[in-house]
Amino acid sequence: MASLDELVAYCNERTRLTAFTDAPGARNGLQVANNGEVTRIGAAVDSGLVPFEKAKEAGVDFLIVHHGMYWDMPQLLTGPVYERVKTLISSNCALYSNHLPLDGHPEIGNNALLAAQLDLTPDQPFMLIAGEPVGCSAPWTKSRADLQTALEALYERVVPVACGSDRPQRIAFCSGSGNSAMKELIKTGIDTMVTGELREEWFNVAQERGINVFLCGHYATEVHAVQALAAEVSAKFDLPWEFIKTENPL
């Protein structure tokens, strides 16, 4: 058993939570409290009734998520929103959300871990927001086909937009949505990016600008950091943890 306050303080410091300027609705940090004690940690990508019910079934009382509950404010406590909050409170489960800090962290961030999956070590920041890098980039010495093969071995569905070099020199990483990263990619001159998803109109830009983009799924590219943080908290406070998986194909 450990103190909720101790776990929250550790997560805030480890992720440098206050250093990042996030979307107003992200509301990074503790979003829902419990009775002040933690016995079991959970990690999930999304807030939602199903993940919360699964956490309840698993006996989780501290759930770390990448996407919190408060993107659209204010939210009336009715319908599904009420059911979400009710599920958390009835199971004494605290909810801790961490968005951009868990994308940009150089060790346990989604993008650093995407690179690590390919045995790459990022050496340059990518996509700075208010001075803090959310993404990263790393040199690549193989072919574009080799990159696609490696990603297909890691991810269930990979959509290639192969409009750039057959021999890219560098790969940028932007987990989740890559929409805001495309303009940054053009500025940097990097012609290859691994991300989760894109809006349809970016295909034409990729053709015109000669860019390779590999889409591996928003959810799939953001399962990494919450698990890494949960594993660290588990080890530090000697608590069990588990990943709360949902069948999100997007």
C-alpha atoms as a PDB file:
ATOM      1  CA  MET A   1       0.000   0.000   0.000  1.00  0.00           C
ATOM      2  CA  ALA A   2       1.220   3.509  -0.787  1.00  0.00           C
ATOM      3  CA  SER A   3       0.003   7.061  -0.484  1.00  0.00           C
ATOM      4  CA  LEU A   4      -1.906   8.544  -3.422  1.00  0.00           C
ATOM      5  CA  ASP A   5      -0.161  11.861  -2.850  1.00  0.00           C
ATOM      6  CA  GLU A   6       3.250  10.175  -3.107  1.00  0.00           C
ATOM      7  CA  LEU A   7       2.386   8.470  -6.377  1.00  0.00           C
ATOM      8  CA  VAL A   8       1.007  11.662  -7.902  1.00  0.00           C
ATOM      9  CA  ALA A   9       4.062  13.661  -6.836  1.00  0.00           C
ATOM     10  CA  TYR A  10       6.386  11.044  -8.320  1.00  0.00           C
ATOM     11  CA  CYS A  11       4.506  10.940 -11.641  1.00  0.00           C
ATOM     12  CA  ASN A  12       4.403  14.736 -11.865  1.00  0.00           C
ATOM     13  CA  GLU A  13       8.140  15.041 -11.268  1.00  0.00           C
ATOM     14  CA  ARG A  14       9.177  12.086 -13.428  1.00  0.00           C
ATOM     15  CA  THR A  15       7.260  13.379 -16.451  1.00  0.00           C
ATOM     16  CA  ARG A  16       8.153  17.060 -15.877  1.00  0.00           C
ATOM     17  CA  LEU A  17       4.432  17.684 -16.029  1.00  0.00           C
ATOM     18  CA  THR A  18       4.471  21.451 -15.456  1.00  0.00           C
ATOM     19  CA  ALA A  19       7.103  22.087 -18.162  1.00  0.00           C
ATOM     20  CA  PHE A  20       4.660  21.362 -21.000  1.00  0.00           C
ATOM     21  CA  THR A  21       2.001  23.615 -22.447  1.00  0.00           C
ATOM     22  CA  ASP A  22      -0.808  21.243 -23.337  1.00  0.00           C
ATOM     23  CA  ALA A  23      -4.312  21.648 -24.718  1.00  0.00           C
ATOM     24  CA  PRO A  24      -6.533  23.321 -22.085  1.00  0.00           C
ATOM     25  CA  GLY A  25      -8.769  20.275 -21.821  1.00  0.00           C
ATOM     26  CA  ALA A  26      -5.878  17.905 -21.178  1.00  0.00           C
ATOM     27  CA  ARG A  27      -5.921  18.755 -17.452  1.00  0.00           C
ATOM     28  CA  ASN A  28      -2.722  16.797 -16.819  1.00  0.00           C
ATOM     29  CA  GLY A  29      -2.336  15.328 -13.355  1.00  0.00           C
ATOM     30  CA  LEU A  30      -4.766  13.879 -10.838  1.00  0.00           C
ATOM     31  CA  GLN A  31      -8.283  14.186 -12.265  1.00  0.00           C
ATOM     32  CA  VAL A  32     -10.219  12.044  -9.791  1.00  0.00           C
ATOM     33  CA  ALA A  33      -9.041  11.190  -6.270  1.00  0.00           C
ATOM     34  CA  ASN A  34      -9.652   8.109  -4.153  1.00  0.00           C
ATOM     35  CA  ASN A  35      -9.466   7.554  -0.378  1.00  0.00           C
ATOM     36  CA  GLY A  36      -5.772   8.444  -0.397  1.00  0.00           C
ATOM     37  CA  GLU A  37      -4.293   4.947  -0.561  1.00  0.00           C
ATOM     38  CA  VAL A  38      -3.123   2.839  -3.521  1.00  0.00           C
ATOM     39  CA  THR A  39      -2.765  -0.932  -3.664  1.00  0.00           C
ATOM     40  CA  ARG A  40      -2.804  -1.675  -7.409  1.00  0.00           C
ATOM     41  CA  ILE A  41      -1.807   0.382 -10.454  1.00  0.00           C
ATOM     42  CA  GLY A  42      -3.396   0.279 -13.883  1.00  0.00           C
ATOM     43  CA  ALA A  43      -2.355   1.820 -17.196  1.00  0.00           C
ATOM     44  CA  ALA A  44      -4.703   2.610 -20.096  1.00  0.00           C
ATOM     45  CA  VAL A  45      -4.541   4.798 -23.175  1.00  0.00           C
ATOM     46  CA  ASP A  46      -8.017   6.275 -22.875  1.00  0.00           C
ATOM     47  CA  SER A  47     -10.536   7.407 -20.317  1.00  0.00           C
ATOM     48  CA  GLY A  48     -13.894   5.760 -20.895  1.00  0.00           C
ATOM     49  CA  LEU A  49     -16.563   3.671 -19.271  1.00  0.00           C
ATOM     50  CA  VAL A  50     -15.174   0.368 -20.578  1.00  0.00           C
ATOM     51  CA  PRO A  51     -11.569   0.997 -19.465  1.00  0.00           C
ATOM     52  CA  PHE A  52     -12.875   2.131 -16.070  1.00  0.00           C
ATOM     53  CA  GLU A  53     -15.030  -0.972 -15.713  1.00  0.00           C
ATOM     54  CA  LYS A  54     -12.081  -3.176 -16.615  1.00  0.00           C
ATOM     55  CA  ALA A  55      -9.922  -1.357 -14.067  1.00  0.00           C
ATOM     56  CA  LYS A  56     -12.620  -1.901 -11.452  1.00  0.00           C
ATOM     57  CA  GLU A  57     -12.757  -5.617 -12.229  1.00  0.00           C
ATOM     58  CA  ALA A  58      -8.974  -5.821 -11.869  1.00  0.00           C
ATOM     59  CA  GLY A  59      -8.989  -4.101  -8.484  1.00  0.00           C
ATOM     60  CA  VAL A  60      -7.033  -1.077  -9.751  1.00  0.00           C
ATOM     61  CA  ASP A  61      -7.189   1.964  -7.481  1.00  0.00           C
ATOM     62  CA  PHE A  62      -4.712   4.191  -9.356  1.00  0.00           C
ATOM     63  CA  LEU A  63      -5.265   4.347 -13.115  1.00  0.00           C
ATOM     64  CA  ILE A  64      -2.765   6.154 -15.342  1.00  0.00           C
ATOM     65  CA  VAL A  65      -4.203   7.266 -18.696  1.00  0.00           C
ATOM     66  CA  HIS A  66      -2.826   9.185 -21.649  1.00  0.00           C
ATOM     67  CA  HIS A  67      -6.151  10.745 -22.630  1.00  0.00           C
ATOM     68  CA  GLY A  68      -8.033  12.164 -19.659  1.00  0.00           C
ATOM     69  CA  MET A  69     -11.721  12.934 -19.218  1.00  0.00           C
ATOM     70  CA  TYR A  70     -11.947  16.691 -19.653  1.00  0.00           C
ATOM     71  CA  TRP A  71     -11.265  17.618 -23.291  1.00  0.00           C
ATOM     72  CA  ASP A  72     -14.689  19.228 -23.710  1.00  0.00           C
ATOM     73  CA  MET A  73     -15.579  21.451 -20.772  1.00  0.00           C
ATOM     74  CA  PRO A  74     -17.827  21.911 -18.986  1.00  0.00           C
ATOM     75  CA  GLN A  75     -19.185  18.377 -18.858  1.00  0.00           C
ATOM     76  CA  LEU A  76     -22.552  17.718 -17.282  1.00  0.00           C
ATOM     77  CA  LEU A  77     -22.567  14.713 -14.964  1.00  0.00           C
ATOM     78  CA  THR A  78     -25.259  12.929 -16.938  1.00  0.00           C
ATOM     79  CA  GLY A  79     -25.380   9.905 -19.231  1.00  0.00           C
ATOM     80  CA  PRO A  80     -22.012   8.280 -20.026  1.00  0.00           C
ATOM     81  CA  VAL A  81     -20.080  11.012 -18.186  1.00  0.00           C
ATOM     82  CA  TYR A  82     -21.978  10.225 -14.987  1.00  0.00           C
ATOM     83  CA  GLU A  83     -21.364   6.500 -15.487  1.00  0.00           C
ATOM     84  CA  ARG A  84     -17.625   7.112 -15.903  1.00  0.00           C
ATOM     85  CA  VAL A  85     -17.337   9.107 -12.698  1.00  0.00           C
ATOM     86  CA  LYS A  86     -19.641   6.736 -10.821  1.00  0.00           C
ATOM     87  CA  THR A  87     -17.502   3.752 -11.847  1.00  0.00           C
ATOM     88  CA  LEU A  88     -14.320   5.405 -10.621  1.00  0.00           C
ATOM     89  CA  ILE A  89     -15.764   6.554  -7.304  1.00  0.00           C
ATOM     90  CA  SER A  90     -17.605   3.301  -6.574  1.00  0.00           C
ATOM     91  CA  SER A  91     -14.377   1.359  -7.087  1.00  0.00           C
ATOM     92  CA  ASN A  92     -12.242   3.880  -5.147  1.00  0.00           C
ATOM     93  CA  CYS A  93     -10.104   4.312  -8.269  1.00  0.00           C
ATOM     94  CA  ALA A  94      -8.045   7.473  -8.689  1.00  0.00           C
ATOM     95  CA  LEU A  95      -7.547   8.723 -12.252  1.00  0.00           C
ATOM     96  CA  TYR A  96      -4.209  10.244 -13.273  1.00  0.00           C
ATOM     97  CA  SER A  97      -3.898  11.722 -16.770  1.00  0.00           C
ATOM     98  CA  ASN A  98      -0.711  12.635 -18.596  1.00  0.00           C
ATOM     99  CA  HIS A  99      -0.785  13.730 -22.231  1.00  0.00           C
ATOM    100  CA  LEU A 100       2.034  15.657 -23.952  1.00  0.00           C
ATOM    101  CA  PRO A 101       4.580  15.088 -21.159  1.00  0.00           C
ATOM    102  CA  LEU A 102       4.197  11.359 -21.827  1.00  0.00           C
ATOM    103  CA  ASP A 103       4.664  11.865 -25.557  1.00  0.00           C
ATOM    104  CA  GLY A 104       7.817  13.922 -25.272  1.00  0.00           C
ATOM    105  CA  HIS A 105       9.704  12.302 -22.402  1.00  0.00           C
ATOM    106  CA  PRO A 106      13.191  11.296 -23.644  1.00  0.00           C
ATOM    107  CA  GLU A 107      13.168   7.963 -21.795  1.00  0.00           C
ATOM    108  CA  ILE A 108       9.607   6.772 -21.179  1.00  0.00           C
ATOM    109  CA  GLY A 109       7.762   8.903 -23.738  1.00  0.00           C
ATOM    110  CA  ASN A 110       5.766   7.365 -26.560  1.00  0.00           C
ATOM    111  CA  ASN A 111       8.066   8.756 -29.225  1.00  0.00           C
ATOM    112  CA  ALA A 112      11.310   7.708 -27.595  1.00  0.00           C
ATOM    113  CA  LEU A 113       9.838   4.225 -27.177  1.00  0.00           C
ATOM    114  CA  LEU A 114       8.661   4.131 -30.806  1.00  0.00           C
ATOM    115  CA  ALA A 115      12.249   4.808 -31.824  1.00  0.00           C
ATOM    116  CA  ALA A 116      13.577   2.219 -29.372  1.00  0.00           C
ATOM    117  CA  GLN A 117      11.327  -0.420 -30.955  1.00  0.00           C
ATOM    118  CA  LEU A 118      13.347   0.084 -34.136  1.00  0.00           C
ATOM    119  CA  ASP A 119      16.641  -0.031 -32.200  1.00  0.00           C
ATOM    120  CA  LEU A 120      17.125   3.682 -32.815  1.00  0.00           C
ATOM    121  CA  THR A 121      18.445   6.315 -30.423  1.00  0.00           C
ATOM    122  CA  PRO A 122      16.866   9.746 -31.031  1.00  0.00           C
ATOM    123  CA  ASP A 123      19.445  12.498 -31.335  1.00  0.00           C
ATOM    124  CA  GLN A 124      17.294  15.488 -32.321  1.00  0.00           C
ATOM    125  CA  PRO A 125      14.043  16.967 -30.989  1.00  0.00           C
ATOM    126  CA  PHE A 126      11.024  17.244 -33.260  1.00  0.00           C
ATOM    127  CA  MET A 127       7.908  19.416 -33.008  1.00  0.00           C
ATOM    128  CA  LEU A 128       8.569  21.857 -30.196  1.00  0.00           C
ATOM    129  CA  ILE A 129       5.538  23.232 -28.368  1.00  0.00           C
ATOM    130  CA  ALA A 130       6.317  26.247 -26.178  1.00  0.00           C
ATOM    131  CA  GLY A 131       9.968  25.215 -26.236  1.00  0.00           C
ATOM    132  CA  GLU A 132       9.465  21.583 -25.238  1.00  0.00           C
ATOM    133  CA  PRO A 133       9.941  18.780 -27.785  1.00  0.00           C
ATOM    134  CA  VAL A 134       6.959  16.482 -28.103  1.00  0.00           C
ATOM    135  CA  GLY A 135       8.466  14.312 -30.823  1.00  0.00           C
ATOM    136  CA  CYS A 136      11.969  13.207 -31.733  1.00  0.00           C
ATOM    137  CA  SER A 137      13.973  12.064 -34.728  1.00  0.00           C
ATOM    138  CA  ALA A 138      16.762   9.603 -35.366  1.00  0.00           C
ATOM    139  CA  PRO A 139      19.076   8.674 -38.243  1.00  0.00           C
ATOM    140  CA  TRP A 140      18.092   5.744 -40.442  1.00  0.00           C
ATOM    141  CA  THR A 141      20.603   3.742 -42.473  1.00  0.00           C
ATOM    142  CA  LYS A 142      18.342   1.218 -44.200  1.00  0.00           C
ATOM    143  CA  SER A 143      15.727   1.419 -46.924  1.00  0.00           C
ATOM    144  CA  ARG A 144      12.133   2.607 -46.767  1.00  0.00           C
ATOM    145  CA  ALA A 145      11.060  -0.984 -47.429  1.00  0.00           C
ATOM    146  CA  ASP A 146      13.091  -2.136 -44.426  1.00  0.00           C
ATOM    147  CA  LEU A 147      11.310   0.424 -42.267  1.00  0.00           C
ATOM    148  CA  GLN A 148       7.909  -0.769 -43.432  1.00  0.00           C
ATOM    149  CA  THR A 149       8.841  -4.401 -42.772  1.00  0.00           C
ATOM    150  CA  ALA A 150      10.056  -3.562 -39.273  1.00  0.00           C
ATOM    151  CA  LEU A 151       6.863  -1.644 -38.459  1.00  0.00           C
ATOM    152  CA  GLU A 152       4.631  -4.399 -39.824  1.00  0.00           C
ATOM    153  CA  ALA A 153       6.329  -6.813 -37.440  1.00  0.00           C
ATOM    154  CA  LEU A 154       5.435  -4.511 -34.536  1.00  0.00           C
ATOM    155  CA  TYR A 155       1.956  -3.256 -35.434  1.00  0.00           C
ATOM    156  CA  GLU A 156      -1.167  -5.066 -36.546  1.00  0.00           C
ATOM    157  CA  ARG A 157      -1.995  -2.492 -39.214  1.00  0.00           C
ATOM    158  CA  VAL A 158       0.466  -0.201 -40.982  1.00  0.00           C
ATOM    159  CA  VAL A 159      -0.705   2.175 -43.708  1.00  0.00           C
ATOM    160  CA  PRO A 160       2.240   3.377 -45.801  1.00  0.00           C
ATOM    161  CA  VAL A 161       2.145   6.687 -47.625  1.00  0.00           C
ATOM    162  CA  ALA A 162       5.305   6.129 -49.633  1.00  0.00           C
ATOM    163  CA  CYS A 163       5.912   9.374 -51.491  1.00  0.00           C
ATOM    164  CA  GLY A 164       9.430  10.187 -50.339  1.00  0.00           C
ATOM    165  CA  SER A 165      12.906   8.779 -50.685  1.00  0.00           C
ATOM    166  CA  ASP A 166      13.571   5.055 -51.040  1.00  0.00           C
ATOM    167  CA  ARG A 167      16.532   5.609 -48.725  1.00  0.00           C
ATOM    168  CA  PRO A 168      15.436   8.046 -46.020  1.00  0.00           C
ATOM    169  CA  GLN A 169      18.271   9.487 -43.961  1.00  0.00           C
ATOM    170  CA  ARG A 170      16.237  10.353 -40.875  1.00  0.00           C
ATOM    171  CA  ILE A 171      12.932   9.363 -39.294  1.00  0.00           C
ATOM    172  CA  ALA A 172      10.693  11.625 -37.218  1.00  0.00           C
ATOM    173  CA  PHE A 173       8.370  10.145 -34.607  1.00  0.00           C
ATOM    174  CA  CYS A 174       5.021  11.610 -33.569  1.00  0.00           C
ATOM    175  CA  SER A 175       2.727   9.217 -31.725  1.00  0.00           C
ATOM    176  CA  GLY A 176      -1.058   9.489 -31.977  1.00  0.00           C
ATOM    177  CA  SER A 177      -2.201  12.176 -34.389  1.00  0.00           C
ATOM    178  CA  GLY A 178       0.381  13.373 -36.895  1.00  0.00           C
ATOM    179  CA  ASN A 179      -1.766  16.189 -38.284  1.00  0.00           C
ATOM    180  CA  SER A 180      -0.002  18.946 -36.372  1.00  0.00           C
ATOM    181  CA  ALA A 181       3.391  17.450 -37.196  1.00  0.00           C
ATOM    182  CA  MET A 182       3.200  17.559 -40.983  1.00  0.00           C
ATOM    183  CA  LYS A 183       3.995  21.262 -41.286  1.00  0.00           C
ATOM    184  CA  GLU A 184       6.874  20.813 -38.862  1.00  0.00           C
ATOM    185  CA  LEU A 185       8.138  17.891 -40.928  1.00  0.00           C
ATOM    186  CA  ILE A 186       8.217  20.099 -44.011  1.00  0.00           C
ATOM    187  CA  LYS A 187      10.129  22.811 -42.123  1.00  0.00           C
ATOM    188  CA  THR A 188      12.800  20.415 -40.915  1.00  0.00           C
ATOM    189  CA  GLY A 189      13.388  18.806 -44.286  1.00  0.00           C
ATOM    190  CA  ILE A 190      12.926  15.321 -42.850  1.00  0.00           C
ATOM    191  CA  ASP A 191      11.085  13.255 -45.445  1.00  0.00           C
ATOM    192  CA  THR A 192       9.917  10.281 -43.342  1.00  0.00           C
ATOM    193  CA  MET A 193       7.675  10.095 -40.285  1.00  0.00           C
ATOM    194  CA  VAL A 194       6.183   7.336 -38.151  1.00  0.00           C
ATOM    195  CA  THR A 195       2.903   8.378 -36.573  1.00  0.00           C
ATOM    196  CA  GLY A 196      -0.530   7.060 -35.672  1.00  0.00           C
ATOM    197  CA  GLU A 197      -3.008   8.710 -38.027  1.00  0.00           C
ATOM    198  CA  LEU A 198      -3.530  11.585 -40.489  1.00  0.00           C
ATOM    199  CA  ARG A 199      -6.442  13.422 -42.034  1.00  0.00           C
ATOM    200  CA  GLU A 200      -7.090  12.551 -45.672  1.00  0.00           C
ATOM    201  CA  GLU A 201      -5.894  15.856 -47.124  1.00  0.00           C
ATOM    202  CA  TRP A 202      -2.305  15.253 -46.017  1.00  0.00           C
ATOM    203  CA  PHE A 203      -1.912  12.567 -48.680  1.00  0.00           C
ATOM    204  CA  ASN A 204      -1.790  15.233 -51.386  1.00  0.00           C
ATOM    205  CA  VAL A 205       0.759  17.213 -49.408  1.00  0.00           C
ATOM    206  CA  ALA A 206       2.898  14.080 -49.017  1.00  0.00           C
ATOM    207  CA  GLN A 207       2.774  13.556 -52.790  1.00  0.00           C
ATOM    208  CA  GLU A 208       3.643  17.168 -53.563  1.00  0.00           C
ATOM    209  CA  ARG A 209       6.421  17.418 -50.993  1.00  0.00           C
ATOM    210  CA  GLY A 210       7.908  13.955 -51.404  1.00  0.00           C
ATOM    211  CA  ILE A 211       7.224  12.657 -47.891  1.00  0.00           C
ATOM    212  CA  ASN A 212       6.985   9.129 -46.485  1.00  0.00           C
ATOM    213  CA  VAL A 213       4.496   8.625 -43.670  1.00  0.00           C
ATOM    214  CA  PHE A 214       3.786   5.348 -41.916  1.00  0.00           C
ATOM    215  CA  LEU A 215       0.485   5.252 -40.044  1.00  0.00           C
ATOM    216  CA  CYS A 216       0.479   2.635 -37.278  1.00  0.00           C
ATOM    217  CA  GLY A 217      -2.697   3.616 -35.411  1.00  0.00           C
ATOM    218  CA  HIS A 218      -3.391   6.365 -32.882  1.00  0.00           C
ATOM    219  CA  TYR A 219      -4.147   3.949 -30.055  1.00  0.00           C
ATOM    220  CA  ALA A 220      -1.406   1.487 -30.987  1.00  0.00           C
ATOM    221  CA  THR A 221       1.343   4.111 -30.959  1.00  0.00           C
ATOM    222  CA  GLU A 222       0.295   5.416 -27.543  1.00  0.00           C
ATOM    223  CA  VAL A 223       0.182   2.233 -25.487  1.00  0.00           C
ATOM    224  CA  HIS A 224       3.866   2.497 -24.626  1.00  0.00           C
ATOM    225  CA  ALA A 225       4.377   5.447 -22.285  1.00  0.00           C
ATOM    226  CA  VAL A 226       1.557   4.718 -19.831  1.00  0.00           C
ATOM    227  CA  GLN A 227       2.926   1.217 -19.430  1.00  0.00           C
ATOM    228  CA  ALA A 228       6.465   2.480 -18.929  1.00  0.00           C
ATOM    229  CA  LEU A 229       5.361   4.983 -16.287  1.00  0.00           C
ATOM    230  CA  ALA A 230       3.189   2.398 -14.523  1.00  0.00           C
ATOM    231  CA  ALA A 231       6.097  -0.058 -14.458  1.00  0.00           C
ATOM    232  CA  GLU A 232       8.376   2.566 -12.900  1.00  0.00           C
ATOM    233  CA  VAL A 233       5.812   3.528 -10.262  1.00  0.00           C
ATOM    234  CA  SER A 234       5.221  -0.157  -9.550  1.00  0.00           C
ATOM    235  CA  ALA A 235       8.924  -0.766  -8.947  1.00  0.00           C
ATOM    236  CA  LYS A 236       9.418   2.351  -6.834  1.00  0.00           C
ATOM    237  CA  PHE A 237       6.451   1.765  -4.540  1.00  0.00           C
ATOM    238  CA  ASP A 238       6.435  -2.055  -4.639  1.00  0.00           C
ATOM    239  CA  LEU A 239       2.912  -2.273  -6.044  1.00  0.00           C
ATOM    240  CA  PRO A 240       1.474  -4.582  -8.712  1.00  0.00           C
ATOM    241  CA  TRP A 241       0.391  -3.107 -12.033  1.00  0.00           C
ATOM    242  CA  GLU A 242      -1.322  -4.182 -15.235  1.00  0.00           C
ATOM    243  CA  PHE A 243      -2.226  -2.782 -18.626  1.00  0.00           C
ATOM    244  CA  ILE A 244      -5.937  -2.225 -19.205  1.00  0.00           C
ATOM    245  CA  LYS A 245      -6.305  -3.055 -22.893  1.00  0.00           C
ATOM    246  CA  THR A 246      -9.277  -2.029 -24.993  1.00  0.00           C
ATOM    247  CA  GLU A 247     -10.014  -3.220 -28.507  1.00  0.00           C
ATOM    248  CA  ASN A 248      -9.532   0.181 -30.093  1.00  0.00           C
ATOM    249  CA  PRO A 249      -8.765  -0.235 -33.834  1.00  0.00           C
ATOM    250  CA  LEU A 250      -8.246   3.485 -34.491  1.00  0.00           C
END
